[in-house]
C-alpha cells in the first residue's frame, strides 16, 4: 500500500511540473513560445576570450527537445563544464544547472530582457553585503553572440563584468 501511495504522490507532484503541463496541451512537449528562446545557442562553437585564447562549446537538444545541454571545454585552463537548461512555464523562466570539473554546482534562472537572455544566480550574503551574479547572452546573431559573467554588490543597481567571451559558430 505504501508503494502505491508513494507512486500516486509522485504522479501528483509531477503533474504540477512542466511535464504534465506539456502533456495536457495538444501540442508537442515543450512547444510553448518561450521554449525556443535559447535556440540561438544550439550548435558547435569556438569561443574567444579578450586575450585571444580559446574555448569550445557544443549545445544540443535532449529529452524530446525540452532540454538544452551544453558541453563546455577550455583546454588551456583544463576546465570542463556542462549545463542543463529548460524553460519552466510554471515560473515563466529559463532554469540552468551547471556543474564543472572543479566541483562547482550552480543554479540560475532568468528570461529574455531587451533582446538578451539573462540568468541570475541566487544572491550570496556576505559580511560586506550581498553578492549577486548573472550570465548575460547578448549581441545575438545567426552565427555569433557574446556572453559575460557579471557581479553586483549593490542589489543589481550596477554590474561589473568578470568574464567575457565571444562565441562564433564552428565552420
Protein backbone atom coordinates (compact mmCIF):
# COMPACT_ATOMS: atom_id res chain seq x y z
CA UNK A 1 0.00 0.00 0.00
CA UNK A 2 2.79 2.47 0.85
CA UNK A 3 4.45 1.94 -2.52
CA UNK A 4 1.18 2.56 -4.35
CA UNK A 5 0.52 5.70 -2.25
CA UNK A 6 4.08 6.89 -2.91
CA UNK A 7 3.63 6.48 -6.64
CA UNK A 8 0.36 8.42 -6.50
CA UNK A 9 2.06 11.26 -4.64
CA UNK A 10 4.89 11.28 -7.18
CA UNK A 11 2.42 11.49 -10.07
CA UNK A 12 0.55 14.33 -8.36
CA UNK A 13 3.82 16.19 -7.84
CA UNK A 14 4.88 15.63 -11.45
CA UNK A 15 1.55 16.92 -12.72
CA UNK A 16 2.35 20.20 -11.02
CA UNK A 17 5.51 20.38 -13.12
CA UNK A 18 6.10 21.32 -16.73
CA UNK A 19 5.80 17.65 -17.72
CA UNK A 20 2.05 17.43 -17.19
CA UNK A 21 1.58 20.97 -18.47
CA UNK A 22 3.04 19.82 -21.78
CA UNK A 23 1.07 16.57 -21.79
CA UNK A 24 -2.20 18.42 -21.24
CA UNK A 25 -1.53 20.57 -24.31
CA UNK A 26 -2.42 19.08 -27.66
CA UNK A 27 0.94 20.39 -28.91
CA UNK A 28 4.28 18.60 -28.64
CA UNK A 29 6.01 18.68 -25.26
CA UNK A 30 7.84 21.94 -24.55
CA UNK A 31 6.29 23.70 -27.54
CA UNK A 32 5.25 26.88 -25.70
CA UNK A 33 6.54 30.05 -27.39
CA UNK A 34 9.33 30.74 -24.88
CA UNK A 35 10.69 27.23 -25.35
CA UNK A 36 12.70 28.33 -28.40
CA UNK A 37 14.24 31.47 -26.92
CA UNK A 38 17.63 29.85 -26.36
CA UNK A 39 17.79 28.03 -29.71
CA UNK A 40 20.35 30.61 -30.86
CA UNK A 41 22.79 28.71 -28.63
CA UNK A 42 22.40 25.37 -30.46
CA UNK A 43 25.47 24.20 -32.35
CA UNK A 44 29.25 23.88 -32.19
CA UNK A 45 31.08 27.00 -31.02
CA UNK A 46 34.60 28.39 -30.92
CA UNK A 47 34.86 30.81 -28.02
CA UNK A 48 37.34 33.66 -27.89
CA UNK A 49 38.35 35.44 -24.68
CA UNK A 50 39.62 39.06 -24.69
CA UNK A 51 43.24 37.75 -24.56
CA UNK A 52 42.54 35.75 -27.79
CA UNK A 53 42.71 32.36 -26.04
CA UNK A 54 40.01 29.86 -26.99
CA UNK A 55 37.47 27.50 -25.51
CA UNK A 56 34.86 25.30 -27.18
CA UNK A 57 31.20 24.55 -26.65
CA UNK A 58 28.67 22.13 -28.09
CA UNK A 59 24.98 22.74 -27.38
CA UNK A 60 22.23 20.37 -28.45
CA UNK A 61 18.67 19.49 -27.52
CA UNK A 62 17.89 16.45 -25.42
CA UNK A 63 14.80 14.79 -23.97
CA UNK A 64 12.38 15.31 -26.86
CA UNK A 65 13.67 18.85 -27.43
CA UNK A 66 12.77 20.05 -23.93
CA UNK A 67 16.32 20.46 -22.62
CA UNK A 68 19.30 22.37 -23.99
CA UNK A 69 22.53 20.66 -22.96
CA UNK A 70 25.88 22.43 -23.16
CA UNK A 71 29.31 20.79 -23.03
CA UNK A 72 31.97 23.48 -22.48
CA UNK A 73 35.71 22.87 -22.50
CA UNK A 74 38.68 25.16 -22.13
CA UNK A 75 41.81 23.05 -22.76
CA UNK A 76 44.18 25.88 -21.81
CA UNK A 77 42.66 26.16 -18.35
CA UNK A 78 41.94 22.43 -18.05
CA UNK A 79 38.32 23.41 -17.39
CA UNK A 80 35.23 21.41 -18.36
CA UNK A 81 31.60 22.16 -17.51
CA UNK A 82 28.14 21.06 -18.53
CA UNK A 83 24.85 22.88 -18.23
CA UNK A 84 21.27 21.69 -18.46
CA UNK A 85 18.73 24.35 -19.47
CA UNK A 86 14.95 24.13 -19.52
CA UNK A 87 12.09 26.59 -19.81
CA UNK A 88 9.74 26.26 -16.84
CA UNK A 89 6.27 27.58 -17.77
CA UNK A 90 5.15 27.42 -14.13
CA UNK A 91 7.51 30.26 -13.18
CA UNK A 92 7.88 31.77 -16.68
CA UNK A 93 11.67 31.49 -16.55
CA UNK A 94 14.55 29.55 -18.01
CA UNK A 95 16.38 27.47 -15.43
CA UNK A 96 20.00 26.37 -15.74
CA UNK A 97 22.01 23.92 -13.69
CA UNK A 98 25.78 23.95 -14.27
CA UNK A 99 28.44 21.60 -12.93
CA UNK A 100 32.18 21.51 -13.63
CA UNK A 101 35.39 19.55 -13.12
CA UNK A 102 36.33 21.77 -10.16
CA UNK A 103 33.38 20.67 -8.05
CA UNK A 104 31.18 23.70 -8.70
CA UNK A 105 27.40 23.42 -8.80
CA UNK A 106 25.39 26.46 -9.86
CA UNK A 107 21.69 27.05 -10.40
CA UNK A 108 20.38 30.10 -12.24
CA UNK A 109 17.06 31.32 -13.56
CA UNK A 110 16.00 34.15 -15.82
CA UNK A 111 14.39 35.27 -19.03
CA UNK A 112 14.77 37.40 -22.13
CA UNK A 113 15.18 41.07 -21.26
CA UNK A 114 15.50 43.62 -24.08
CA UNK A 115 16.87 41.05 -26.55
CA UNK A 116 19.36 39.50 -24.09
CA UNK A 117 18.98 36.23 -22.20
CA UNK A 118 19.84 36.98 -18.57
CA UNK A 119 20.13 34.23 -15.96
CA UNK A 120 20.58 35.16 -12.29
CA UNK A 121 22.18 33.09 -9.55
CA UNK A 122 20.81 33.34 -6.02
CA UNK A 123 22.49 36.19 -4.13
CA UNK A 124 25.20 35.27 -1.65
CA UNK A 125 25.02 37.02 1.68
CA UNK A 126 28.50 38.19 2.69
CA UNK A 127 29.70 40.27 5.64
CA UNK A 128 30.25 43.23 3.34
CA UNK A 129 26.80 42.86 1.71
CA UNK A 130 25.01 40.78 -0.90
CA UNK A 131 26.85 39.46 -3.94
CA UNK A 132 24.64 38.96 -6.99
CA UNK A 133 25.91 37.13 -10.10
CA UNK A 134 24.39 36.78 -13.54
CA UNK A 135 25.14 35.39 -17.00
CA UNK A 136 24.19 37.55 -19.98
CA UNK A 137 23.86 36.27 -23.57
CA UNK A 138 23.73 39.33 -25.87
CA UNK A 139 24.54 40.67 -29.37
CA UNK A 140 22.85 37.52 -30.69
CA UNK A 141 23.27 36.98 -34.45
CA UNK A 142 22.78 33.80 -36.54
CA UNK A 143 26.44 32.72 -36.25
CA UNK A 144 27.71 34.56 -33.18
CA UNK A 145 26.86 36.06 -29.82
CA UNK A 146 28.58 37.47 -26.77
CA UNK A 147 28.44 36.15 -23.21
CA UNK A 148 29.51 37.73 -19.96
CA UNK A 149 29.52 36.84 -16.27
CA UNK A 150 28.74 39.86 -14.12
CA UNK A 151 28.66 40.68 -10.43
CA UNK A 152 26.80 43.29 -8.41
CA UNK A 153 27.37 44.31 -4.82
CA UNK A 154 24.57 46.91 -4.74
CA UNK A 155 21.50 44.70 -5.26
CA UNK A 156 21.70 44.86 -9.05
CA UNK A 157 21.89 48.64 -9.44
CA UNK A 158 25.29 48.37 -11.15
CA UNK A 159 27.05 45.39 -12.72
CA UNK A 160 30.76 44.66 -13.16
CA UNK A 161 31.93 42.34 -15.93
CA UNK A 162 34.03 39.45 -14.53
CA UNK A 163 34.38 37.20 -17.61
CA UNK A 164 33.66 37.99 -21.26
CA UNK A 165 33.53 35.58 -24.19
CA UNK A 166 32.65 35.84 -27.87
CA UNK A 167 31.02 32.79 -29.48
CA UNK A 168 31.49 32.06 -33.20
CA UNK A 169 29.70 29.17 -34.83
CA UNK A 170 32.22 26.49 -35.89
CA UNK A 171 32.51 26.37 -39.67
